[in-house]
C-alpha atoms as a PDB file:
ATOM      1  CA  UNK A   1      -3.494 -22.974  18.586  1.00  0.00           C
ATOM      2  CA  UNK A   2      -6.917 -24.938  18.137  1.00  0.00           C
ATOM      3  CA  UNK A   3      -7.793 -24.309  14.686  1.00  0.00           C
ATOM      4  CA  UNK A   4     -11.581 -23.314  15.218  1.00  0.00           C
ATOM      5  CA  UNK A   5     -10.270 -20.208  16.640  1.00  0.00           C
ATOM      6  CA  UNK A   6      -7.950 -19.265  13.778  1.00  0.00           C
ATOM      7  CA  UNK A   7      -9.124 -16.640  11.345  1.00  0.00           C
ATOM      8  CA  UNK A   8      -7.040 -16.747   8.003  1.00  0.00           C
ATOM      9  CA  UNK A   9      -6.903 -13.629   6.406  1.00  0.00           C
ATOM     10  CA  UNK A  10      -5.308 -12.068   3.068  1.00  0.00           C
ATOM     11  CA  UNK A  11      -4.270  -8.355   3.170  1.00  0.00           C
ATOM     12  CA  UNK A  12      -4.154  -5.746   0.140  1.00  0.00           C
ATOM     13  CA  UNK A  13      -1.909  -2.773   1.341  1.00  0.00           C
ATOM     14  CA  UNK A  14      -2.213   0.840  -0.271  1.00  0.00           C
ATOM     15  CA  UNK A  15       0.552   2.094  -1.219  1.00  0.00           C
ATOM     16  CA  UNK A  16       1.203   6.618  -0.047  1.00  0.00           C
ATOM     17  CA  UNK A  17       4.719   7.233   0.361  1.00  0.00           C
ATOM     18  CA  UNK A  18       5.544   7.497   4.045  1.00  0.00           C
ATOM     19  CA  UNK A  19       1.704   7.123   5.137  1.00  0.00           C
ATOM     20  CA  UNK A  20       3.106   3.527   4.689  1.00  0.00           C
ATOM     21  CA  UNK A  21       4.009   3.535   8.002  1.00  0.00           C
ATOM     22  CA  UNK A  22      -0.030   3.818   9.189  1.00  0.00           C
ATOM     23  CA  UNK A  23       0.343   0.378   7.710  1.00  0.00           C
ATOM     24  CA  UNK A  24       3.361  -0.481   9.676  1.00  0.00           C
ATOM     25  CA  UNK A  25       1.205   0.031  12.266  1.00  0.00           C
ATOM     26  CA  UNK A  26      -1.727  -2.077  11.472  1.00  0.00           C
ATOM     27  CA  UNK A  27       0.395  -5.076  10.657  1.00  0.00           C
ATOM     28  CA  UNK A  28       2.129  -4.780  13.883  1.00  0.00           C
ATOM     29  CA  UNK A  29      -1.137  -4.834  15.496  1.00  0.00           C
ATOM     30  CA  UNK A  30      -2.425  -7.815  13.865  1.00  0.00           C
ATOM     31  CA  UNK A  31       0.599  -9.571  14.380  1.00  0.00           C
ATOM     32  CA  UNK A  32      -0.149  -9.472  18.192  1.00  0.00           C
ATOM     33  CA  UNK A  33      -3.452 -11.090  17.587  1.00  0.00           C
ATOM     34  CA  UNK A  34      -2.456 -14.876  17.971  1.00  0.00           C
ATOM     35  CA  UNK A  35      -6.209 -16.183  16.443  1.00  0.00           C
ATOM     36  CA  UNK A  36      -4.882 -14.759  12.749  1.00  0.00           C
ATOM     37  CA  UNK A  37      -3.029 -15.873  10.308  1.00  0.00           C
ATOM     38  CA  UNK A  38      -2.025 -15.268   6.758  1.00  0.00           C
ATOM     39  CA  UNK A  39      -2.101 -16.582   3.470  1.00  0.00           C
ATOM     40  CA  UNK A  40      -1.758 -13.818   1.240  1.00  0.00           C
ATOM     41  CA  UNK A  41      -0.800 -10.302   0.622  1.00  0.00           C
ATOM     42  CA  UNK A  42      -0.813  -7.715  -2.335  1.00  0.00           C
ATOM     43  CA  UNK A  43       0.484  -4.523  -2.163  1.00  0.00           C
ATOM     44  CA  UNK A  44       1.599  -1.400  -4.173  1.00  0.00           C
ATOM     45  CA  UNK A  45       4.689   1.408  -3.267  1.00  0.00           C
ATOM     46  CA  UNK A  46       5.256   1.538   0.380  1.00  0.00           C
ATOM     47  CA  UNK A  47       2.410  -1.124   0.716  1.00  0.00           C
ATOM     48  CA  UNK A  48       4.528  -3.367  -1.877  1.00  0.00           C
ATOM     49  CA  UNK A  49       7.864  -2.735   0.614  1.00  0.00           C
ATOM     50  CA  UNK A  50       5.924  -3.456   3.327  1.00  0.00           C
ATOM     51  CA  UNK A  51       4.487  -6.796   2.453  1.00  0.00           C
ATOM     52  CA  UNK A  52       7.734  -7.921   1.332  1.00  0.00           C
ATOM     53  CA  UNK A  53       9.083  -6.756   5.054  1.00  0.00           C
ATOM     54  CA  UNK A  54       6.370  -8.949   6.527  1.00  0.00           C
ATOM     55  CA  UNK A  55       7.115 -12.031   4.572  1.00  0.00           C
ATOM     56  CA  UNK A  56      10.697 -12.095   4.796  1.00  0.00           C
ATOM     57  CA  UNK A  57      10.505 -11.000   8.560  1.00  0.00           C
ATOM     58  CA  UNK A  58       7.457 -13.953   8.822  1.00  0.00           C
ATOM     59  CA  UNK A  59       9.814 -16.949   6.813  1.00  0.00           C
ATOM     60  CA  UNK A  60      13.187 -15.800   8.825  1.00  0.00           C
ATOM     61  CA  UNK A  61      11.506 -15.517  12.463  1.00  0.00           C
ATOM     62  CA  UNK A  62       7.981 -15.806  12.305  1.00  0.00           C
ATOM     63  CA  UNK A  63       5.404 -13.714  14.118  1.00  0.00           C
ATOM     64  CA  UNK A  64       7.894 -11.585  15.675  1.00  0.00           C
ATOM     65  CA  UNK A  65      10.558 -11.526  12.899  1.00  0.00           C
ATOM     66  CA  UNK A  66       8.095  -9.596  11.196  1.00  0.00           C
ATOM     67  CA  UNK A  67       7.298  -7.322  13.531  1.00  0.00           C
ATOM     68  CA  UNK A  68      11.159  -6.895  13.700  1.00  0.00           C
ATOM     69  CA  UNK A  69      11.535  -6.712   9.963  1.00  0.00           C
ATOM     70  CA  UNK A  70       8.871  -3.989  10.054  1.00  0.00           C
ATOM     71  CA  UNK A  71      10.174  -2.062  12.851  1.00  0.00           C
ATOM     72  CA  UNK A  72      13.978  -1.838  11.085  1.00  0.00           C
ATOM     73  CA  UNK A  73      12.609  -1.011   8.163  1.00  0.00           C
ATOM     74  CA  UNK A  74      11.001   2.278   8.914  1.00  0.00           C
ATOM     75  CA  UNK A  75      13.600   3.154  11.774  1.00  0.00           C
ATOM     76  CA  UNK A  76      15.997   3.077   8.860  1.00  0.00           C
ATOM     77  CA  UNK A  77      13.720   5.152   6.939  1.00  0.00           C
ATOM     78  CA  UNK A  78      13.033   7.665   9.567  1.00  0.00           C
ATOM     79  CA  UNK A  79      16.877   7.719  10.224  1.00  0.00           C
ATOM     80  CA  UNK A  80      18.576   7.549   7.260  1.00  0.00           C
ATOM     81  CA  UNK A  81      16.259   9.699   4.913  1.00  0.00           C
ATOM     82  CA  UNK A  82      16.086  12.485   7.723  1.00  0.00           C
ATOM     83  CA  UNK A  83      20.079  12.562   7.275  1.00  0.00           C
ATOM     84  CA  UNK A  84      20.392  12.745   3.575  1.00  0.00           C
ATOM     85  CA  UNK A  85      17.908  15.416   3.765  1.00  0.00           C
ATOM     86  CA  UNK A  86      19.128  17.646   6.630  1.00  0.00           C
ATOM     87  CA  UNK A  87      20.530  20.256   4.422  1.00  0.00           C
ATOM     88  CA  UNK A  88      18.897  23.727   4.943  1.00  0.00           C
ATOM     89  CA  UNK A  89      17.692  23.325   1.348  1.00  0.00           C
ATOM     90  CA  UNK A  90      16.009  19.777   1.760  1.00  0.00           C
ATOM     91  CA  UNK A  91      14.989  20.609   5.257  1.00  0.00           C
ATOM     92  CA  UNK A  92      12.815  23.852   3.588  1.00  0.00           C
ATOM     93  CA  UNK A  93      12.383  21.550   0.700  1.00  0.00           C
ATOM     94  CA  UNK A  94      10.524  18.722   2.643  1.00  0.00           C
ATOM     95  CA  UNK A  95       9.310  20.160   5.858  1.00  0.00           C
ATOM     96  CA  UNK A  96       7.007  21.187   7.568  1.00  0.00           C
ATOM     97  CA  UNK A  97       4.418  19.733   5.144  1.00  0.00           C
ATOM     98  CA  UNK A  98       1.343  21.827   6.150  1.00  0.00           C
ATOM     99  CA  UNK A  99       2.355  25.267   6.421  1.00  0.00           C
ATOM    100  CA  UNK A 100       0.756  28.053   3.645  1.00  0.00           C
ATOM    101  CA  UNK A 101       3.521  27.640   1.610  1.00  0.00           C
ATOM    102  CA  UNK A 102       6.230  25.339   0.328  1.00  0.00           C
ATOM    103  CA  UNK A 103       8.753  27.359  -2.256  1.00  0.00           C
ATOM    104  CA  UNK A 104      11.479  24.851  -2.335  1.00  0.00           C
ATOM    105  CA  UNK A 105       8.840  21.827  -2.330  1.00  0.00           C
ATOM    106  CA  UNK A 106       6.497  23.521  -5.106  1.00  0.00           C
ATOM    107  CA  UNK A 107       9.821  24.535  -7.005  1.00  0.00           C
ATOM    108  CA  UNK A 108      10.858  21.146  -7.049  1.00  0.00           C
ATOM    109  CA  UNK A 109       7.697  19.763  -7.904  1.00  0.00           C
ATOM    110  CA  UNK A 110       6.911  22.561 -10.742  1.00  0.00           C
ATOM    111  CA  UNK A 111      10.378  21.210 -12.368  1.00  0.00           C
ATOM    112  CA  UNK A 112       8.730  17.936 -12.441  1.00  0.00           C
ATOM    113  CA  UNK A 113       6.585  18.795 -14.990  1.00  0.00           C
ATOM    114  CA  UNK A 114       9.176  20.808 -17.090  1.00  0.00           C
ATOM    115  CA  UNK A 115      12.367  18.413 -16.540  1.00  0.00           C
ATOM    116  CA  UNK A 116      12.331  14.874 -17.101  1.00  0.00           C
ATOM    117  CA  UNK A 117      14.098  12.308 -14.390  1.00  0.00           C
ATOM    118  CA  UNK A 118      17.018  12.213 -17.453  1.00  0.00           C
ATOM    119  CA  UNK A 119      17.851  16.034 -16.669  1.00  0.00           C
ATOM    120  CA  UNK A 120      16.714  16.211 -12.687  1.00  0.00           C
ATOM    121  CA  UNK A 121      18.301  13.272 -11.682  1.00  0.00           C
ATOM    122  CA  UNK A 122      20.515  11.990 -14.356  1.00  0.00           C
ATOM    123  CA  UNK A 123      22.895   9.584 -12.202  1.00  0.00           C
ATOM    124  CA  UNK A 124      19.084   7.932 -11.298  1.00  0.00           C
ATOM    125  CA  UNK A 125      20.130   7.843  -7.253  1.00  0.00           C
ATOM    126  CA  UNK A 126      17.608   6.483  -5.088  1.00  0.00           C
ATOM    127  CA  UNK A 127      18.339   5.863  -1.920  1.00  0.00           C
ATOM    128  CA  UNK A 128      15.549   3.303  -0.826  1.00  0.00           C
ATOM    129  CA  UNK A 129      16.716   0.777  -3.054  1.00  0.00           C
ATOM    130  CA  UNK A 130      20.020   0.509  -1.079  1.00  0.00           C
ATOM    131  CA  UNK A 131      17.653   0.899   2.072  1.00  0.00           C
ATOM    132  CA  UNK A 132      15.292  -2.043   1.119  1.00  0.00           C
ATOM    133  CA  UNK A 133      17.858  -4.636  -0.527  1.00  0.00           C
ATOM    134  CA  UNK A 134      19.971  -4.374   2.698  1.00  0.00           C
ATOM    135  CA  UNK A 135      16.371  -4.508   4.660  1.00  0.00           C
ATOM    136  CA  UNK A 136      15.079  -7.671   3.057  1.00  0.00           C
ATOM    137  CA  UNK A 137      16.886 -10.928   1.610  1.00  0.00           C
ATOM    138  CA  UNK A 138      14.725 -11.310  -1.132  1.00  0.00           C
ATOM    139  CA  UNK A 139      15.640 -15.701  -1.488  1.00  0.00           C
ATOM    140  CA  UNK A 140      13.447 -15.879   1.859  1.00  0.00           C
ATOM    141  CA  UNK A 141      10.983 -15.011  -0.131  1.00  0.00           C
ATOM    142  CA  UNK A 142      11.174 -16.621  -3.538  1.00  0.00           C
ATOM    143  CA  UNK A 143      11.526 -19.586  -2.401  1.00  0.00           C
ATOM    144  CA  UNK A 144       9.433 -21.543   1.114  1.00  0.00           C
ATOM    145  CA  UNK A 145       7.594 -18.122   2.321  1.00  0.00           C
ATOM    146  CA  UNK A 146       4.568 -18.769   4.269  1.00  0.00           C
ATOM    147  CA  UNK A 147       2.847 -16.015   2.372  1.00  0.00           C
ATOM    148  CA  UNK A 148       2.023 -15.434  -0.727  1.00  0.00           C
ATOM    149  CA  UNK A 149       2.807 -11.686  -2.427  1.00  0.00           C
ATOM    150  CA  UNK A 150       1.471  -9.938  -5.077  1.00  0.00           C
ATOM    151  CA  UNK A 151       3.381  -6.791  -5.500  1.00  0.00           C
ATOM    152  CA  UNK A 152       1.713  -4.568  -8.349  1.00  0.00           C
ATOM    153  CA  UNK A 153       3.890  -1.844 -11.144  1.00  0.00           C
ATOM    154  CA  UNK A 154       1.791  -0.461 -14.014  1.00  0.00           C
ATOM    155  CA  UNK A 155       3.695  -1.870 -17.613  1.00  0.00           C
ATOM    156  CA  UNK A 156       4.840   1.585 -19.155  1.00  0.00           C
ATOM    157  CA  UNK A 157       3.941   0.900 -22.686  1.00  0.00           C
ATOM    158  CA  UNK A 158       0.617  -0.688 -22.357  1.00  0.00           C
ATOM    159  CA  UNK A 159      -0.995   0.794 -19.305  1.00  0.00           C
ATOM    160  CA  UNK A 160      -1.411  -2.767 -17.972  1.00  0.00           C
ATOM    161  CA  UNK A 161      -0.854  -3.886 -14.256  1.00  0.00           C
ATOM    162  CA  UNK A 162       1.884  -6.361 -13.619  1.00  0.00           C
ATOM    163  CA  UNK A 163       1.845  -8.513 -10.861  1.00  0.00           C
ATOM    164  CA  UNK A 164       5.168  -9.812  -9.242  1.00  0.00           C
ATOM    165  CA  UNK A 165       4.706 -12.852  -7.363  1.00  0.00           C
ATOM    166  CA  UNK A 166       6.735 -14.645  -4.973  1.00  0.00           C
ATOM    167  CA  UNK A 167       9.653 -15.946  -7.419  1.00  0.00           C
ATOM    168  CA  UNK A 168       9.300 -12.796  -9.476  1.00  0.00           C
ATOM    169  CA  UNK A 169      10.280 -11.053  -6.558  1.00  0.00           C
ATOM    170  CA  UNK A 170      13.571  -8.366  -6.298  1.00  0.00           C
ATOM    171  CA  UNK A 171      14.194  -5.442  -5.074  1.00  0.00           C
ATOM    172  CA  UNK A 172      13.815  -4.255  -9.297  1.00  0.00           C
ATOM    173  CA  UNK A 173      10.425  -4.969  -8.415  1.00  0.00           C
ATOM    174  CA  UNK A 174       9.687  -3.033  -5.578  1.00  0.00           C
ATOM    175  CA  UNK A 175      11.275  -0.568  -6.932  1.00  0.00           C
ATOM    176  CA  UNK A 176       9.124  -0.212 -10.095  1.00  0.00           C
ATOM    177  CA  UNK A 177       5.898  -0.695  -7.843  1.00  0.00           C
ATOM    178  CA  UNK A 178       7.294   2.182  -5.830  1.00  0.00           C
ATOM    179  CA  UNK A 179       8.638   4.070  -9.393  1.00  0.00           C
ATOM    180  CA  UNK A 180       6.906   7.512  -9.433  1.00  0.00           C
ATOM    181  CA  UNK A 181       7.825   8.536 -12.977  1.00  0.00           C
ATOM    182  CA  UNK A 182       8.030  12.555 -12.382  1.00  0.00           C
ATOM    183  CA  UNK A 183      10.861  11.729  -9.525  1.00  0.00           C
ATOM    184  CA  UNK A 184      13.008   8.229 -10.766  1.00  0.00           C
ATOM    185  CA  UNK A 185      13.429   6.401 -14.512  1.00  0.00           C
ATOM    186  CA  UNK A 186      11.399   3.971 -14.783  1.00  0.00           C
ATOM    187  CA  UNK A 187      12.663   0.933 -13.984  1.00  0.00           C
ATOM    188  CA  UNK A 188      13.302  -2.397 -16.444  1.00  0.00           C
ATOM    189  CA  UNK A 189      12.511  -5.702 -15.639  1.00  0.00           C
ATOM    190  CA  UNK A 190      13.517  -8.423 -18.394  1.00  0.00           C
ATOM    191  CA  UNK A 191      13.362  -5.678 -21.300  1.00  0.00           C
ATOM    192  CA  UNK A 192      10.183  -4.303 -19.998  1.00  0.00           C
ATOM    193  CA  UNK A 193       9.665  -0.722 -18.405  1.00  0.00           C
ATOM    194  CA  UNK A 194       7.525  -0.573 -15.341  1.00  0.00           C
ATOM    195  CA  UNK A 195       6.181   2.344 -13.247  1.00  0.00           C
ATOM    196  CA  UNK A 196       4.647   2.821  -9.907  1.00  0.00           C
ATOM    197  CA  UNK A 197       1.733   0.387  -9.254  1.00  0.00           C
ATOM    198  CA  UNK A 198      -0.931   3.305  -7.791  1.00  0.00           C
ATOM    199  CA  UNK A 199      -1.705   3.462 -11.589  1.00  0.00           C
ATOM    200  CA  UNK A 200      -3.076   0.223 -11.714  1.00  0.00           C
ATOM    201  CA  UNK A 201      -3.922  -1.311  -8.694  1.00  0.00           C
ATOM    202  CA  UNK A 202      -3.114   0.595  -5.518  1.00  0.00           C
ATOM    203  CA  UNK A 203      -3.922  -1.815  -3.921  1.00  0.00           C
ATOM    204  CA  UNK A 204      -4.795  -4.929  -6.479  1.00  0.00           C
ATOM    205  CA  UNK A 205      -7.534  -7.220  -5.234  1.00  0.00           C
ATOM    206  CA  UNK A 206      -8.628 -10.055  -7.338  1.00  0.00           C
ATOM    207  CA  UNK A 207      -5.182 -11.744  -7.146  1.00  0.00           C
ATOM    208  CA  UNK A 208      -6.233 -12.664  -3.593  1.00  0.00           C
ATOM    209  CA  UNK A 209      -9.234 -13.708  -5.190  1.00  0.00           C
ATOM    210  CA  UNK A 210      -8.462 -15.832  -7.504  1.00  0.00           C
ATOM    211  CA  UNK A 211      -5.304 -17.117  -6.004  1.00  0.00           C
ATOM    212  CA  UNK A 212      -6.035 -17.925  -2.468  1.00  0.00           C
ATOM    213  CA  UNK A 213      -8.405 -20.016  -0.831  1.00  0.00           C
ATOM    214  CA  UNK A 214      -9.334 -17.892   1.946  1.00  0.00           C
ATOM    215  CA  UNK A 215     -12.256 -15.585   1.766  1.00  0.00           C
ATOM    216  CA  UNK A 216     -11.355 -12.673   4.071  1.00  0.00           C
ATOM    217  CA  UNK A 217      -9.910  -9.597   2.262  1.00  0.00           C
ATOM    218  CA  UNK A 218      -8.241  -7.229   5.086  1.00  0.00           C
ATOM    219  CA  UNK A 219      -7.616  -3.772   2.803  1.00  0.00           C
ATOM    220  CA  UNK A 220      -5.560  -1.519   4.743  1.00  0.00           C
ATOM    221  CA  UNK A 221      -5.961   2.145   3.272  1.00  0.00           C
ATOM    222  CA  UNK A 222      -4.026   5.328   3.830  1.00  0.00           C
ATOM    223  CA  UNK A 223      -6.165   7.227   1.018  1.00  0.00           C
ATOM    224  CA  UNK A 224      -9.376   9.118   2.209  1.00  0.00           C
ATOM    225  CA  UNK A 225     -11.818   7.336  -0.300  1.00  0.00           C
ATOM    226  CA  UNK A 226     -14.279  10.856  -0.182  1.00  0.00           C
ATOM    227  CA  UNK A 227     -13.265  14.162   0.973  1.00  0.00           C
ATOM    228  CA  UNK A 228     -15.677  16.365   2.749  1.00  0.00           C
ATOM    229  CA  UNK A 229     -15.754  19.886   0.976  1.00  0.00           C
ATOM    230  CA  UNK A 230     -15.259  20.540  -2.486  1.00  0.00           C
ATOM    231  CA  UNK A 231     -11.539  21.562  -4.053  1.00  0.00           C
ATOM    232  CA  UNK A 232     -11.946  25.426  -4.814  1.00  0.00           C
ATOM    233  CA  UNK A 233      -8.154  26.353  -4.565  1.00  0.00           C
ATOM    234  CA  UNK A 234      -4.878  25.609  -6.904  1.00  0.00           C
ATOM    235  CA  UNK A 235      -3.457  23.112  -4.160  1.00  0.00           C
ATOM    236  CA  UNK A 236      -6.587  21.214  -2.894  1.00  0.00           C
ATOM    237  CA  UNK A 237      -7.499  20.956  -6.701  1.00  0.00           C
ATOM    238  CA  UNK A 238      -3.945  19.049  -7.449  1.00  0.00           C
ATOM    239  CA  UNK A 239      -4.452  17.412  -3.952  1.00  0.00           C
ATOM    240  CA  UNK A 240      -7.552  15.530  -4.979  1.00  0.00           C
ATOM    241  CA  UNK A 241      -6.357  14.965  -8.267  1.00  0.00           C
ATOM    242  CA  UNK A 242      -3.553  13.413  -7.343  1.00  0.00           C
ATOM    243  CA  UNK A 243      -5.958  11.490  -4.926  1.00  0.00           C
ATOM    244  CA  UNK A 244      -7.955  10.273  -7.784  1.00  0.00           C
ATOM    245  CA  UNK A 245      -5.100   8.997  -9.700  1.00  0.00           C
ATOM    246  CA  UNK A 246      -4.046   6.963  -7.356  1.00  0.00           C
ATOM    247  CA  UNK A 247      -7.575   5.526  -6.252  1.00  0.00           C
ATOM    248  CA  UNK A 248      -8.938   5.467  -9.492  1.00  0.00           C
ATOM    249  CA  UNK A 249      -8.101   1.616 -10.518  1.00  0.00           C
ATOM    250  CA  UNK A 250      -8.294   0.131  -7.068  1.00  0.00           C
ATOM    251  CA  UNK A 251     -12.658   2.036  -6.853  1.00  0.00           C
ATOM    252  CA  UNK A 252     -12.986   0.976 -10.420  1.00  0.00           C
ATOM    253  CA  UNK A 253     -12.325  -3.011  -8.757  1.00  0.00           C
ATOM    254  CA  UNK A 254     -14.239  -2.902  -6.036  1.00  0.00           C
ATOM    255  CA  UNK A 255     -17.086  -1.543  -7.746  1.00  0.00           C
ATOM    256  CA  UNK A 256     -17.047  -4.601  -9.973  1.00  0.00           C
ATOM    257  CA  UNK A 257     -16.885  -6.759  -6.613  1.00  0.00           C
ATOM    258  CA  UNK A 258     -19.337  -4.959  -5.260  1.00  0.00           C
ATOM    259  CA  UNK A 259     -21.554  -5.127  -8.451  1.00  0.00           C
ATOM    260  CA  UNK A 260     -20.923  -8.602  -8.835  1.00  0.00           C
ATOM    261  CA  UNK A 261     -21.682  -9.754  -5.514  1.00  0.00           C
ATOM    262  CA  UNK A 262     -24.986  -7.399  -5.842  1.00  0.00           C
ATOM    263  CA  UNK A 263     -26.135  -9.254  -9.132  1.00  0.00           C
ATOM    264  CA  UNK A 264     -25.217 -12.931  -7.286  1.00  0.00           C
ATOM    265  CA  UNK A 265     -27.379 -12.167  -4.369  1.00  0.00           C
ATOM    266  CA  UNK A 266     -30.209 -11.636  -6.569  1.00  0.00           C
ATOM    267  CA  UNK A 267     -29.725 -14.896  -8.526  1.00  0.00           C
ATOM    268  CA  UNK A 268     -30.571 -12.909 -12.118  1.00  0.00           C
ATOM    269  CA  UNK A 269     -27.830 -15.613 -13.241  1.00  0.00           C
ATOM    270  CA  UNK A 270     -26.642 -19.631 -12.876  1.00  0.00           C
ATOM    271  CA  UNK A 271     -24.452 -19.836 -10.492  1.00  0.00           C
ATOM    272  CA  UNK A 272     -20.698 -21.343 -11.368  1.00  0.00           C
ATOM    273  CA  UNK A 273     -17.527 -21.501 -10.143  1.00  0.00           C
ATOM    274  CA  UNK A 274     -16.734 -17.666 -10.618  1.00  0.00           C
ATOM    275  CA  UNK A 275     -20.160 -16.473  -8.867  1.00  0.00           C
ATOM    276  CA  UNK A 276     -19.630 -18.849  -6.212  1.00  0.00           C
ATOM    277  CA  UNK A 277     -16.406 -17.511  -5.444  1.00  0.00           C
ATOM    278  CA  UNK A 278     -16.832 -14.230  -5.677  1.00  0.00           C
ATOM    279  CA  UNK A 279     -19.832 -14.790  -3.653  1.00  0.00           C
ATOM    280  CA  UNK A 280     -17.666 -16.133  -0.735  1.00  0.00           C
ATOM    281  CA  UNK A 281     -15.726 -13.070  -0.387  1.00  0.00           C
ATOM    282  CA  UNK A 282     -15.737 -10.871   2.380  1.00  0.00           C
ATOM    283  CA  UNK A 283     -14.426  -7.462   2.315  1.00  0.00           C
ATOM    284  CA  UNK A 284     -12.965  -5.288   4.925  1.00  0.00           C
ATOM    285  CA  UNK A 285     -11.552  -2.150   5.251  1.00  0.00           C
ATOM    286  CA  UNK A 286      -8.740  -0.483   8.128  1.00  0.00           C
ATOM    287  CA  UNK A 287      -8.343   3.336   7.639  1.00  0.00           C
ATOM    288  CA  UNK A 288      -8.133   6.646   9.303  1.00  0.00           C
ATOM    289  CA  UNK A 289     -10.324   8.906   7.327  1.00  0.00           C
ATOM    290  CA  UNK A 290      -9.513  11.943   9.187  1.00  0.00           C
ATOM    291  CA  UNK A 291      -5.509  11.221   9.627  1.00  0.00           C
ATOM    292  CA  UNK A 292      -5.604  10.951   5.719  1.00  0.00           C
ATOM    293  CA  UNK A 293      -7.855  14.091   5.134  1.00  0.00           C
ATOM    294  CA  UNK A 294      -5.363  16.166   7.864  1.00  0.00           C
ATOM    295  CA  UNK A 295      -2.058  15.667   5.513  1.00  0.00           C
ATOM    296  CA  UNK A 296      -1.626  17.072   1.965  1.00  0.00           C
ATOM    297  CA  UNK A 297      -0.101  15.034  -0.824  1.00  0.00           C
ATOM    298  CA  UNK A 298       3.712  16.765   0.365  1.00  0.00           C
ATOM    299  CA  UNK A 299       3.364  14.914   3.328  1.00  0.00           C
ATOM    300  CA  UNK A 300       3.915  11.627   1.299  1.00  0.00           C
ATOM    301  CA  UNK A 301       7.724  12.693   1.218  1.00  0.00           C
ATOM    302  CA  UNK A 302       7.923  13.418   4.688  1.00  0.00           C
ATOM    303  CA  UNK A 303      10.330  10.778   6.952  1.00  0.00           C
ATOM    304  CA  UNK A 304      10.953  12.666   9.892  1.00  0.00           C
ATOM    305  CA  UNK A 305      10.689  10.471  12.669  1.00  0.00           C
ATOM    306  CA  UNK A 306       8.160  11.837  14.112  1.00  0.00           C
ATOM    307  CA  UNK A 307       6.211  12.129  11.618  1.00  0.00           C
ATOM    308  CA  UNK A 308       6.746   8.062  10.838  1.00  0.00           C
ATOM    309  CA  UNK A 309       6.028   7.480  14.717  1.00  0.00           C
ATOM    310  CA  UNK A 310       2.638   9.437  14.662  1.00  0.00           C
ATOM    311  CA  UNK A 311       1.378   7.465  11.569  1.00  0.00           C
ATOM    312  CA  UNK A 312       2.689   4.374  12.926  1.00  0.00           C
ATOM    313  CA  UNK A 313       0.915   4.808  16.334  1.00  0.00           C
ATOM    314  CA  UNK A 314      -2.837   5.962  14.100  1.00  0.00           C
ATOM    315  CA  UNK A 315      -1.776   2.989  12.186  1.00  0.00           C
ATOM    316  CA  UNK A 316      -2.013   0.697  15.122  1.00  0.00           C
ATOM    317  CA  UNK A 317      -4.742   2.217  17.011  1.00  0.00           C
ATOM    318  CA  UNK A 318      -6.883   1.905  14.380  1.00  0.00           C
ATOM    319  CA  UNK A 319      -5.856  -1.813  13.686  1.00  0.00           C
ATOM    320  CA  UNK A 320      -6.751  -2.523  17.063  1.00  0.00           C
ATOM    321  CA  UNK A 321      -9.935  -0.649  16.919  1.00  0.00           C
ATOM    322  CA  UNK A 322     -10.918  -2.529  13.860  1.00  0.00           C
ATOM    323  CA  UNK A 323      -9.876  -5.965  16.014  1.00  0.00           C
ATOM    324  CA  UNK A 324     -12.403  -5.400  19.365  1.00  0.00           C
ATOM    325  CA  UNK A 325     -15.167  -4.457  16.603  1.00  0.00           C
ATOM    326  CA  UNK A 326     -14.832  -6.759  13.628  1.00  0.00           C
ATOM    327  CA  UNK A 327     -12.848 -10.021  14.705  1.00  0.00           C
ATOM    328  CA  UNK A 328     -15.469 -12.794  15.164  1.00  0.00           C
ATOM    329  CA  UNK A 329     -16.895 -11.080  11.449  1.00  0.00           C
ATOM    330  CA  UNK A 330     -14.043 -13.018  10.285  1.00  0.00           C
ATOM    331  CA  UNK A 331     -15.153 -15.905   8.119  1.00  0.00           C
ATOM    332  CA  UNK A 332     -18.611 -14.880   8.581  1.00  0.00           C
ATOM    333  CA  UNK A 333     -19.469 -11.474   6.432  1.00  0.00           C
ATOM    334  CA  UNK A 334     -17.619  -8.028   5.418  1.00  0.00           C
ATOM    335  CA  UNK A 335     -17.461  -5.476   7.659  1.00  0.00           C
ATOM    336  CA  UNK A 336     -18.069  -2.641   5.256  1.00  0.00           C
ATOM    337  CA  UNK A 337     -20.949  -1.787   2.819  1.00  0.00           C
ATOM    338  CA  UNK A 338     -19.744  -2.300  -0.486  1.00  0.00           C
ATOM    339  CA  UNK A 339     -22.526  -1.034  -2.299  1.00  0.00           C
ATOM    340  CA  UNK A 340     -22.722   2.031  -0.422  1.00  0.00           C
ATOM    341  CA  UNK A 341     -18.904   2.867  -0.224  1.00  0.00           C
ATOM    342  CA  UNK A 342     -18.325   1.713  -3.847  1.00  0.00           C
ATOM    343  CA  UNK A 343     -21.546   1.877  -6.234  1.00  0.00           C
END
C-alpha cells in the first residue's frame, strides 16, 4: 500500500448496551476501507468490549480477523442472550421496548432502586462474562497487539477515571467497564472496586491525545448529543437523566478540547508542547442521532437478533456515508464544529 494514501486514525467507542451493535457496524465498514489504519482505541462498556474484540481479531487475523471476531461476538450475544431470556417473564420484561407500558421491566427497575445486586443477584451471575471470556483471548491483547487500548472504568471510592491499557486488560477489566451498579456488584481488581466507565468517561478521549501519535480521533456515539423536545413525562425525564449521567463526563471532556483549541487559535498564550498537540488534533464523529432518539433507555437491554441486526446495519450505513463525505479530511482538519457542538 502506498503510505501516502494511508490514513492512520484513533477510535473512541461509546458504551450503550446492545446499542453497541451500531458500533460493530461502524467498525466493520471502516475495516473494509484499506486506506485506513489504526493506532489506538478507547472504549467504555459495550464500546470497551467492541474495542477488545477488534484488537484481538486484528492481532490474530488482521482486518478479516477483526471483522470475524466482532461478528462472532455479537452473533453469540444475540443468540445466547435471547435463549437465556426466552421465558415468558423475561420476554415480557425485555421485549418489546417501545410499547406504552413495560410492567415487568418497570417492576425490575423499580426493585433495583430498593434492593442492591447483593439481594437481587446474590450469586452475582453475569452471562456476559463467560461469553466475552470465551470470545477473546486476552494474551494476544496484552502482548504484541497492533493497536493500543484504553478501557475506561470508574473507581468506586474516588469517582476517578481508571484506564486499563493493553498490559492490564483482562476479563475483569472489561466487566468493570460494563458494570452497572444497580445490576451487578462492583468488580474488584487488585483490591479496588470499579463500576461502569460511563460515569467517568464515555468514551475517554484524552488518552488518545496524549498516548498516541496520530492526530485524527474518530468518535462513535450511540447516545444522542441533544434532544428535540423538552422531556415532560416521568419516563421522558428518566430517559434524559439516564443519558446525561452517561454523557456528562464526555461532554465536559469535549468542551475542554474545544475550548483549548479555540484559545490556541486566538494566540492568547505562547505555544508549547501541550498547545501544539491540542492544535494538531482533528475530531470526527460518527452517529445516527435519529436512531438514538427513536429508542428509549430500556432498549439497551434488547438482545433480540432482529434488534442487533438493525443497529449493526444502521452503523454500517452511517460509517459508509461518513467515509464518503469525510475520508479526504483525515489528516487535515476536523469534520465537526467543536465549538458549536460542545461550547
